[in-house]
Amino acid sequence: MSREIPLESKEIPDQAPSPDEVGPESPFPIVGIGASAGGLEAFTQFLARLPAETGMAFVLVQHLDPRHESRLTDLLARGTRMPVVEASQGLLVEPDQVYIIPPNTSMAIAEGLLHITPREESPGPHLPVDHFLRSLARAQQAQAIGVVLSGTGSDGTLGLIEIKSVGGITFAQEPGSARHGGMPQSAIGNGAVDFVLPPEGIARRLAEIGIHPYLAREPVETMQPESEDHFRSVLGAVKGATGVDFSQYRDTTIRRRILRRMALHGQSSLAAL
């Protein structure tokens, strides 16, 4: 069953520089998607419902067998009109394209470029999803979107927490729709997720959110001048309900947080609140 996690009880406090202070490195949203066992099926379902033109880039980090060549790129290319390529060192990320992690590697993003390093041998678990999502949060701030699909273990949870802490938006596959629900369930249980949906629902919601003003490079600048009265009305309503006077806070920060809530609830106008 599709559901949205109650935001009021799952809000994660900022743990990184505010988006007001550090802007996104790429001028469009980048979606990092993590998966393990059962991920191919989930990602195929996701791509089948995703429009070819969303203005977003998609980067898939899948747990792959380090001993075998991956056919993931070829398999996924059959189900989408977007170009699907295996990532390489220094590759520029562009909108409306899908990038796949190579086997036996770790991947990060910085300054709009993918950075590939050999997988390190260590006694602990290999956590490529967390590694990428955390770099995505640093690079894209509020324009980072994280998705955790089917898989075992907890990889991806820390990455989603970091994305949410900088104002990004997070999704997890509804565990009942996943072949293996461990990864999404871990993220949900740790309060890291804004939306819990099956892969098809994630695709539909992403397409809607992708055009929301919140994901613009300068989201506050997209608010219309005539919305000022509505903005003050919202602050007044919050003060009446909580006793907290947010009019004393920095305007830009409060407006961004309101825009984020509007994006999560599918509202594009303050007048509709």
C-alpha atoms as a PDB file:
ATOM      1  CA  MET A   1       0.000   0.000   0.000  1.00  0.00           C
ATOM      2  CA  SER A   2       1.376   3.435  -0.933  1.00  0.00           C
ATOM      3  CA  ARG A   3       1.741   5.924   1.843  1.00  0.00           C
ATOM      4  CA  GLU A   4       3.550   9.117   2.818  1.00  0.00           C
ATOM      5  CA  ILE A   5       5.449   9.169   6.082  1.00  0.00           C
ATOM      6  CA  PRO A   6       3.955  11.827   8.426  1.00  0.00           C
ATOM      7  CA  LEU A   7       6.370  14.720   8.052  1.00  0.00           C
ATOM      8  CA  GLU A   8       5.693  16.233  11.456  1.00  0.00           C
ATOM      9  CA  SER A   9       6.998  13.137  13.249  1.00  0.00           C
ATOM     10  CA  LYS A  10       9.823  12.364  10.862  1.00  0.00           C
ATOM     11  CA  GLU A  11      11.540  15.738  10.420  1.00  0.00           C
ATOM     12  CA  ILE A  12      15.333  15.430  10.587  1.00  0.00           C
ATOM     13  CA  PRO A  13      17.196  18.521  11.828  1.00  0.00           C
ATOM     14  CA  ASP A  14      19.825  20.139   9.635  1.00  0.00           C
ATOM     15  CA  GLN A  15      23.230  18.495  10.055  1.00  0.00           C
ATOM     16  CA  ALA A  16      25.049  20.231   7.201  1.00  0.00           C
ATOM     17  CA  PRO A  17      25.384  23.724   5.706  1.00  0.00           C
ATOM     18  CA  SER A  18      22.060  25.309   4.822  1.00  0.00           C
ATOM     19  CA  PRO A  19      21.115  25.421   1.115  1.00  0.00           C
ATOM     20  CA  ASP A  20      21.073  29.197   1.640  1.00  0.00           C
ATOM     21  CA  GLU A  21      24.845  29.025   2.112  1.00  0.00           C
ATOM     22  CA  VAL A  22      25.828  26.275  -0.326  1.00  0.00           C
ATOM     23  CA  GLY A  23      24.034  25.981  -3.656  1.00  0.00           C
ATOM     24  CA  PRO A  24      23.759  22.954  -5.947  1.00  0.00           C
ATOM     25  CA  GLU A  25      26.723  22.214  -8.186  1.00  0.00           C
ATOM     26  CA  SER A  26      24.520  21.208 -11.129  1.00  0.00           C
ATOM     27  CA  PRO A  27      21.569  23.397 -12.211  1.00  0.00           C
ATOM     28  CA  PHE A  28      19.094  20.488 -12.267  1.00  0.00           C
ATOM     29  CA  PRO A  29      18.005  17.821  -9.755  1.00  0.00           C
ATOM     30  CA  ILE A  30      19.999  14.585  -9.605  1.00  0.00           C
ATOM     31  CA  VAL A  31      18.311  11.402  -8.390  1.00  0.00           C
ATOM     32  CA  GLY A  32      20.502   8.816  -6.685  1.00  0.00           C
ATOM     33  CA  ILE A  33      18.927   5.354  -6.600  1.00  0.00           C
ATOM     34  CA  GLY A  34      20.263   2.511  -4.480  1.00  0.00           C
ATOM     35  CA  ALA A  35      19.346  -1.156  -4.738  1.00  0.00           C
ATOM     36  CA  SER A  36      20.625  -4.643  -4.013  1.00  0.00           C
ATOM     37  CA  ALA A  37      18.884  -7.998  -4.337  1.00  0.00           C
ATOM     38  CA  GLY A  38      15.714  -7.566  -6.401  1.00  0.00           C
ATOM     39  CA  GLY A  39      16.864  -4.174  -7.600  1.00  0.00           C
ATOM     40  CA  LEU A  40      16.811  -4.989 -11.316  1.00  0.00           C
ATOM     41  CA  GLU A  41      13.106  -5.812 -11.179  1.00  0.00           C
ATOM     42  CA  ALA A  42      12.308  -2.690  -9.140  1.00  0.00           C
ATOM     43  CA  PHE A  43      14.335  -0.349 -11.311  1.00  0.00           C
ATOM     44  CA  THR A  44      12.825  -1.793 -14.479  1.00  0.00           C
ATOM     45  CA  GLN A  45       9.347  -1.099 -13.089  1.00  0.00           C
ATOM     46  CA  PHE A  46      10.464   2.407 -12.117  1.00  0.00           C
ATOM     47  CA  LEU A  47      11.838   3.238 -15.583  1.00  0.00           C
ATOM     48  CA  ALA A  48       8.725   1.886 -17.307  1.00  0.00           C
ATOM     49  CA  ARG A  49       6.582   4.604 -15.665  1.00  0.00           C
ATOM     50  CA  LEU A  50       9.113   7.433 -15.829  1.00  0.00           C
ATOM     51  CA  PRO A  51       8.712  10.051 -18.599  1.00  0.00           C
ATOM     52  CA  ALA A  52      11.692  10.358 -20.940  1.00  0.00           C
ATOM     53  CA  GLU A  53      11.947  14.088 -20.235  1.00  0.00           C
ATOM     54  CA  THR A  54      11.876  15.087 -16.585  1.00  0.00           C
ATOM     55  CA  GLY A  55      14.810  17.514 -16.499  1.00  0.00           C
ATOM     56  CA  MET A  56      16.476  15.272 -13.907  1.00  0.00           C
ATOM     57  CA  ALA A  57      19.450  12.905 -14.088  1.00  0.00           C
ATOM     58  CA  PHE A  58      19.279   9.388 -12.627  1.00  0.00           C
ATOM     59  CA  VAL A  59      22.229   7.534 -11.120  1.00  0.00           C
ATOM     60  CA  LEU A  60      21.765   3.881 -10.158  1.00  0.00           C
ATOM     61  CA  VAL A  61      24.036   2.350  -7.541  1.00  0.00           C
ATOM     62  CA  GLN A  62      23.375  -1.384  -7.504  1.00  0.00           C
ATOM     63  CA  HIS A  63      25.185  -4.004  -5.449  1.00  0.00           C
ATOM     64  CA  LEU A  64      26.931  -6.017  -8.172  1.00  0.00           C
ATOM     65  CA  ASP A  65      28.957  -9.212  -8.096  1.00  0.00           C
ATOM     66  CA  PRO A  66      32.574  -7.967  -8.257  1.00  0.00           C
ATOM     67  CA  ARG A  67      33.666 -11.141 -10.080  1.00  0.00           C
ATOM     68  CA  HIS A  68      31.421 -10.816 -13.117  1.00  0.00           C
ATOM     69  CA  GLU A  69      30.870  -8.333 -15.914  1.00  0.00           C
ATOM     70  CA  SER A  70      27.605  -6.430 -15.504  1.00  0.00           C
ATOM     71  CA  ARG A  71      24.819  -6.585 -18.107  1.00  0.00           C
ATOM     72  CA  LEU A  72      22.737  -4.099 -16.146  1.00  0.00           C
ATOM     73  CA  THR A  73      23.189  -1.244 -18.619  1.00  0.00           C
ATOM     74  CA  ASP A  74      21.980  -3.302 -21.588  1.00  0.00           C
ATOM     75  CA  LEU A  75      19.059  -4.792 -19.676  1.00  0.00           C
ATOM     76  CA  LEU A  76      17.780  -1.440 -18.419  1.00  0.00           C
ATOM     77  CA  ALA A  77      18.221   0.339 -21.763  1.00  0.00           C
ATOM     78  CA  ARG A  78      15.453  -1.853 -23.199  1.00  0.00           C
ATOM     79  CA  GLY A  79      12.849  -0.290 -20.910  1.00  0.00           C
ATOM     80  CA  THR A  80      13.384   3.446 -21.377  1.00  0.00           C
ATOM     81  CA  ARG A  81      13.805   6.047 -24.097  1.00  0.00           C
ATOM     82  CA  MET A  82      16.474   7.802 -22.038  1.00  0.00           C
ATOM     83  CA  PRO A  83      20.121   7.013 -22.788  1.00  0.00           C
ATOM     84  CA  VAL A  84      21.490   4.459 -20.299  1.00  0.00           C
ATOM     85  CA  VAL A  85      25.271   4.394 -19.886  1.00  0.00           C
ATOM     86  CA  GLU A  86      27.747   2.775 -17.550  1.00  0.00           C
ATOM     87  CA  ALA A  87      29.492   5.465 -15.545  1.00  0.00           C
ATOM     88  CA  SER A  88      33.160   6.252 -16.068  1.00  0.00           C
ATOM     89  CA  GLN A  89      35.694   8.424 -14.296  1.00  0.00           C
ATOM     90  CA  GLY A  90      35.065  12.138 -14.822  1.00  0.00           C
ATOM     91  CA  LEU A  91      31.816  11.651 -16.758  1.00  0.00           C
ATOM     92  CA  LEU A  92      29.633  14.777 -16.795  1.00  0.00           C
ATOM     93  CA  VAL A  93      26.116  14.120 -15.489  1.00  0.00           C
ATOM     94  CA  GLU A  94      23.411  15.524 -17.764  1.00  0.00           C
ATOM     95  CA  PRO A  95      19.600  15.661 -17.429  1.00  0.00           C
ATOM     96  CA  ASP A  96      17.329  12.992 -18.908  1.00  0.00           C
ATOM     97  CA  GLN A  97      20.036  10.324 -18.795  1.00  0.00           C
ATOM     98  CA  VAL A  98      20.587   7.223 -16.665  1.00  0.00           C
ATOM     99  CA  TYR A  99      24.010   6.321 -15.260  1.00  0.00           C
ATOM    100  CA  ILE A 100      24.908   2.882 -13.887  1.00  0.00           C
ATOM    101  CA  ILE A 101      27.715   2.130 -11.428  1.00  0.00           C
ATOM    102  CA  PRO A 102      30.386  -0.205 -12.864  1.00  0.00           C
ATOM    103  CA  PRO A 103      31.000  -3.490 -10.997  1.00  0.00           C
ATOM    104  CA  ASN A 104      33.674  -3.741  -8.290  1.00  0.00           C
ATOM    105  CA  THR A 105      33.784   0.050  -7.731  1.00  0.00           C
ATOM    106  CA  SER A 106      32.634   2.859  -5.498  1.00  0.00           C
ATOM    107  CA  MET A 107      31.126   5.988  -7.051  1.00  0.00           C
ATOM    108  CA  ALA A 108      30.687   9.587  -5.907  1.00  0.00           C
ATOM    109  CA  ILE A 109      29.688  12.873  -7.499  1.00  0.00           C
ATOM    110  CA  ALA A 110      31.330  16.286  -7.203  1.00  0.00           C
ATOM    111  CA  GLU A 111      31.105  19.397  -9.381  1.00  0.00           C
ATOM    112  CA  GLY A 112      28.678  17.597 -11.693  1.00  0.00           C
ATOM    113  CA  LEU A 113      31.167  14.806 -12.471  1.00  0.00           C
ATOM    114  CA  LEU A 114      31.082  11.126 -11.533  1.00  0.00           C
ATOM    115  CA  HIS A 115      34.143   9.840  -9.723  1.00  0.00           C
ATOM    116  CA  ILE A 116      34.887   6.120  -9.868  1.00  0.00           C
ATOM    117  CA  THR A 117      37.326   4.369  -7.518  1.00  0.00           C
ATOM    118  CA  PRO A 118      38.162   0.673  -7.128  1.00  0.00           C
ATOM    119  CA  ARG A 119      36.236  -1.091  -4.409  1.00  0.00           C
ATOM    120  CA  GLU A 120      38.294  -1.183  -1.231  1.00  0.00           C
ATOM    121  CA  GLU A 121      38.916  -4.455   0.523  1.00  0.00           C
ATOM    122  CA  SER A 122      37.783  -4.082   4.128  1.00  0.00           C
ATOM    123  CA  PRO A 123      36.432  -6.354   6.865  1.00  0.00           C
ATOM    124  CA  GLY A 124      33.201  -4.358   7.073  1.00  0.00           C
ATOM    125  CA  PRO A 125      30.278  -4.371   4.642  1.00  0.00           C
ATOM    126  CA  HIS A 126      30.594  -2.636   1.271  1.00  0.00           C
ATOM    127  CA  LEU A 127      28.166   0.338   1.341  1.00  0.00           C
ATOM    128  CA  PRO A 128      28.243   1.870  -2.162  1.00  0.00           C
ATOM    129  CA  VAL A 129      24.734   3.355  -1.885  1.00  0.00           C
ATOM    130  CA  ASP A 130      25.541   5.348   1.253  1.00  0.00           C
ATOM    131  CA  HIS A 131      28.835   6.447  -0.306  1.00  0.00           C
ATOM    132  CA  PHE A 132      27.133   7.879  -3.381  1.00  0.00           C
ATOM    133  CA  LEU A 133      24.075   9.393  -1.674  1.00  0.00           C
ATOM    134  CA  ARG A 134      26.198  11.216   0.884  1.00  0.00           C
ATOM    135  CA  SER A 135      28.305  12.736  -1.885  1.00  0.00           C
ATOM    136  CA  LEU A 136      25.094  13.679  -3.707  1.00  0.00           C
ATOM    137  CA  ALA A 137      23.814  15.505  -0.626  1.00  0.00           C
ATOM    138  CA  ARG A 138      27.032  17.515  -0.413  1.00  0.00           C
ATOM    139  CA  ALA A 139      27.032  18.323  -4.124  1.00  0.00           C
ATOM    140  CA  GLN A 140      23.370  19.105  -4.760  1.00  0.00           C
ATOM    141  CA  GLN A 141      21.942  20.169  -1.411  1.00  0.00           C
ATOM    142  CA  ALA A 142      18.176  20.706  -1.828  1.00  0.00           C
ATOM    143  CA  GLN A 143      18.368  19.487  -5.440  1.00  0.00           C
ATOM    144  CA  ALA A 144      19.461  16.038  -4.260  1.00  0.00           C
ATOM    145  CA  ILE A 145      16.836  13.291  -4.428  1.00  0.00           C
ATOM    146  CA  GLY A 146      17.491   9.878  -2.903  1.00  0.00           C
ATOM    147  CA  VAL A 147      15.662   6.628  -3.599  1.00  0.00           C
ATOM    148  CA  VAL A 148      16.176   3.228  -1.946  1.00  0.00           C
ATOM    149  CA  LEU A 149      14.725   0.207  -3.711  1.00  0.00           C
ATOM    150  CA  SER A 150      14.715  -3.539  -3.004  1.00  0.00           C
ATOM    151  CA  GLY A 151      17.673  -5.005  -1.154  1.00  0.00           C
ATOM    152  CA  THR A 152      18.905  -6.653   2.015  1.00  0.00           C
ATOM    153  CA  GLY A 153      20.722  -4.883   4.830  1.00  0.00           C
ATOM    154  CA  SER A 154      20.742  -1.171   5.606  1.00  0.00           C
ATOM    155  CA  ASP A 155      22.839   0.385   2.824  1.00  0.00           C
ATOM    156  CA  GLY A 156      21.284   3.690   1.794  1.00  0.00           C
ATOM    157  CA  THR A 157      19.848   4.678   5.171  1.00  0.00           C
ATOM    158  CA  LEU A 158      22.673   7.029   6.149  1.00  0.00           C
ATOM    159  CA  GLY A 159      22.683   8.530   2.663  1.00  0.00           C
ATOM    160  CA  LEU A 160      18.969   9.318   2.773  1.00  0.00           C
ATOM    161  CA  ILE A 161      19.351  10.850   6.234  1.00  0.00           C
ATOM    162  CA  GLU A 162      22.044  13.162   4.894  1.00  0.00           C
ATOM    163  CA  ILE A 163      20.000  14.130   1.834  1.00  0.00           C
ATOM    164  CA  LYS A 164      16.989  14.943   3.985  1.00  0.00           C
ATOM    165  CA  SER A 165      19.125  16.966   6.397  1.00  0.00           C
ATOM    166  CA  VAL A 166      20.167  19.371   3.608  1.00  0.00           C
ATOM    167  CA  GLY A 167      16.623  19.824   2.316  1.00  0.00           C
ATOM    168  CA  GLY A 168      16.585  17.124  -0.350  1.00  0.00           C
ATOM    169  CA  ILE A 169      13.676  14.757  -0.952  1.00  0.00           C
ATOM    170  CA  THR A 170      13.754  11.035  -0.194  1.00  0.00           C
ATOM    171  CA  PHE A 171      11.859   7.925  -1.294  1.00  0.00           C
ATOM    172  CA  ALA A 172      11.821   4.265  -0.331  1.00  0.00           C
ATOM    173  CA  GLN A 173      10.150   1.369  -2.062  1.00  0.00           C
ATOM    174  CA  GLU A 174       7.098   0.090  -0.216  1.00  0.00           C
ATOM    175  CA  PRO A 175       8.561  -3.046   1.431  1.00  0.00           C
ATOM    176  CA  GLY A 176       5.598  -5.206   0.483  1.00  0.00           C
ATOM    177  CA  SER A 177       6.268  -4.500  -3.202  1.00  0.00           C
ATOM    178  CA  ALA A 178       9.985  -5.321  -2.924  1.00  0.00           C
ATOM    179  CA  ARG A 179      11.532  -8.714  -3.516  1.00  0.00           C
ATOM    180  CA  HIS A 180      13.702  -7.946  -0.479  1.00  0.00           C
ATOM    181  CA  GLY A 181      12.448  -5.270   1.899  1.00  0.00           C
ATOM    182  CA  GLY A 182      15.466  -4.878   4.192  1.00  0.00           C
ATOM    183  CA  MET A 183      17.023  -1.745   2.673  1.00  0.00           C
ATOM    184  CA  PRO A 184      13.815   0.272   2.324  1.00  0.00           C
ATOM    185  CA  GLN A 185      12.569  -0.878   5.733  1.00  0.00           C
ATOM    186  CA  SER A 186      15.812   0.271   7.384  1.00  0.00           C
ATOM    187  CA  ALA A 187      15.489   3.730   5.838  1.00  0.00           C
ATOM    188  CA  ILE A 188      11.809   4.004   6.788  1.00  0.00           C
ATOM    189  CA  GLY A 189      12.481   2.883  10.353  1.00  0.00           C
ATOM    190  CA  ASN A 190      15.179   5.517  10.790  1.00  0.00           C
ATOM    191  CA  GLY A 191      12.916   8.396   9.730  1.00  0.00           C
ATOM    192  CA  ALA A 192      14.901   9.042   6.556  1.00  0.00           C
ATOM    193  CA  VAL A 193      12.025   8.846   4.067  1.00  0.00           C
ATOM    194  CA  ASP A 194       9.481  11.368   2.805  1.00  0.00           C
ATOM    195  CA  PHE A 195       7.553   8.965   0.544  1.00  0.00           C
ATOM    196  CA  VAL A 196       6.981   5.212   0.734  1.00  0.00           C
ATOM    197  CA  LEU A 197       5.678   3.955  -2.613  1.00  0.00           C
ATOM    198  CA  PRO A 198       6.028   1.051  -5.067  1.00  0.00           C
ATOM    199  CA  PRO A 199       8.450   1.705  -7.969  1.00  0.00           C
ATOM    200  CA  GLU A 200       5.680   2.879 -10.302  1.00  0.00           C
ATOM    201  CA  GLY A 201       4.431   5.326  -7.669  1.00  0.00           C
ATOM    202  CA  ILE A 202       7.933   6.671  -7.086  1.00  0.00           C
ATOM    203  CA  ALA A 203       8.252   7.365 -10.824  1.00  0.00           C
ATOM    204  CA  ARG A 204       4.932   9.204 -10.964  1.00  0.00           C
ATOM    205  CA  ARG A 205       5.654  11.298  -7.883  1.00  0.00           C
ATOM    206  CA  LEU A 206       9.149  12.168  -9.113  1.00  0.00           C
ATOM    207  CA  ALA A 207       7.720  13.428 -12.402  1.00  0.00           C
ATOM    208  CA  GLU A 208       5.364  15.703 -10.447  1.00  0.00           C
ATOM    209  CA  ILE A 209       7.987  16.967  -8.019  1.00  0.00           C
ATOM    210  CA  GLY A 210      10.512  17.548 -10.797  1.00  0.00           C
ATOM    211  CA  ILE A 211       8.573  20.559 -12.087  1.00  0.00           C
ATOM    212  CA  HIS A 212       7.898  22.068  -8.664  1.00  0.00           C
ATOM    213  CA  PRO A 213       9.479  25.494  -7.970  1.00  0.00           C
ATOM    214  CA  TYR A 214      11.283  24.029  -4.929  1.00  0.00           C
ATOM    215  CA  LEU A 215      13.681  22.175  -7.224  1.00  0.00           C
ATOM    216  CA  ALA A 216      14.639  25.291  -9.171  1.00  0.00           C
ATOM    217  CA  ARG A 217      18.258  26.375  -8.774  1.00  0.00           C
ATOM    218  CA  GLU A 218      17.061  29.464  -6.844  1.00  0.00           C
ATOM    219  CA  PRO A 219      13.698  28.291  -5.473  1.00  0.00           C
ATOM    220  CA  VAL A 220      12.921  31.333  -3.333  1.00  0.00           C
ATOM    221  CA  GLU A 221      13.257  33.570  -6.389  1.00  0.00           C
ATOM    222  CA  THR A 222      10.369  31.677  -8.011  1.00  0.00           C
ATOM    223  CA  MET A 223       7.889  32.829  -5.367  1.00  0.00           C
ATOM    224  CA  GLN A 224       5.624  35.496  -6.846  1.00  0.00           C
ATOM    225  CA  PRO A 225       5.597  38.977  -5.249  1.00  0.00           C
ATOM    226  CA  GLU A 226       1.861  38.721  -4.703  1.00  0.00           C
ATOM    227  CA  SER A 227       2.482  35.697  -2.472  1.00  0.00           C
ATOM    228  CA  GLU A 228       3.896  37.947   0.294  1.00  0.00           C
ATOM    229  CA  ASP A 229       0.531  38.306   2.011  1.00  0.00           C
ATOM    230  CA  HIS A 230       0.007  34.551   1.865  1.00  0.00           C
ATOM    231  CA  PHE A 231       3.506  34.003   3.265  1.00  0.00           C
ATOM    232  CA  ARG A 232       2.743  36.247   6.239  1.00  0.00           C
ATOM    233  CA  SER A 233      -0.586  34.478   6.710  1.00  0.00           C
ATOM    234  CA  VAL A 234       1.208  31.127   6.884  1.00  0.00           C
ATOM    235  CA  LEU A 235       3.606  32.469   9.523  1.00  0.00           C
ATOM    236  CA  GLY A 236       0.647  33.822  11.476  1.00  0.00           C
ATOM    237  CA  ALA A 237      -1.118  30.457  11.348  1.00  0.00           C
ATOM    238  CA  VAL A 238       2.017  28.647  12.541  1.00  0.00           C
ATOM    239  CA  LYS A 239       2.450  31.112  15.402  1.00  0.00           C
ATOM    240  CA  GLY A 240      -1.172  30.639  16.420  1.00  0.00           C
ATOM    241  CA  ALA A 241      -0.804  26.853  16.418  1.00  0.00           C
ATOM    242  CA  THR A 242       2.647  26.539  18.004  1.00  0.00           C
ATOM    243  CA  GLY A 243       3.395  29.851  19.712  1.00  0.00           C
ATOM    244  CA  VAL A 244       6.615  30.190  17.683  1.00  0.00           C
ATOM    245  CA  ASP A 245       7.088  33.493  15.847  1.00  0.00           C
ATOM    246  CA  PHE A 246       8.967  32.546  12.677  1.00  0.00           C
ATOM    247  CA  SER A 247       8.825  36.124  11.420  1.00  0.00           C
ATOM    248  CA  GLN A 248      12.013  36.679  13.434  1.00  0.00           C
ATOM    249  CA  TYR A 249      13.855  33.965  11.497  1.00  0.00           C
ATOM    250  CA  ARG A 250      15.773  34.492   8.279  1.00  0.00           C
ATOM    251  CA  ASP A 251      13.188  34.885   5.511  1.00  0.00           C
ATOM    252  CA  THR A 252      15.088  32.853   2.922  1.00  0.00           C
ATOM    253  CA  THR A 253      15.399  29.835   5.213  1.00  0.00           C
ATOM    254  CA  ILE A 254      11.718  29.866   6.188  1.00  0.00           C
ATOM    255  CA  ARG A 255      10.572  30.304   2.585  1.00  0.00           C
ATOM    256  CA  ARG A 256      12.685  27.348   1.477  1.00  0.00           C
ATOM    257  CA  ARG A 257      11.210  25.172   4.192  1.00  0.00           C
ATOM    258  CA  ILE A 258       7.694  26.185   3.244  1.00  0.00           C
ATOM    259  CA  LEU A 259       8.460  25.461  -0.417  1.00  0.00           C
ATOM    260  CA  ARG A 260       9.773  22.023   0.538  1.00  0.00           C
ATOM    261  CA  ARG A 261       6.541  21.200   2.375  1.00  0.00           C
ATOM    262  CA  MET A 262       4.580  22.483  -0.604  1.00  0.00           C
ATOM    263  CA  ALA A 263       6.562  20.174  -2.917  1.00  0.00           C
ATOM    264  CA  LEU A 264       5.927  17.183  -0.667  1.00  0.00           C
ATOM    265  CA  HIS A 265       2.205  17.910  -0.546  1.00  0.00           C
ATOM    266  CA  GLY A 266       1.835  18.710  -4.250  1.00  0.00           C
ATOM    267  CA  GLN A 267       1.032  22.394  -3.728  1.00  0.00           C
ATOM    268  CA  SER A 268       2.499  24.974  -6.115  1.00  0.00           C
ATOM    269  CA  SER A 269       0.901  28.119  -4.663  1.00  0.00           C
ATOM    270  CA  LEU A 270       0.920  29.630  -1.177  1.00  0.00           C
ATOM    271  CA  ALA A 271      -2.638  30.743  -1.808  1.00  0.00           C
ATOM    272  CA  ALA A 272      -3.714  27.081  -1.841  1.00  0.00           C
ATOM    273  CA  LEU A 273      -2.351  26.406   1.649  1.00  0.00           C
END
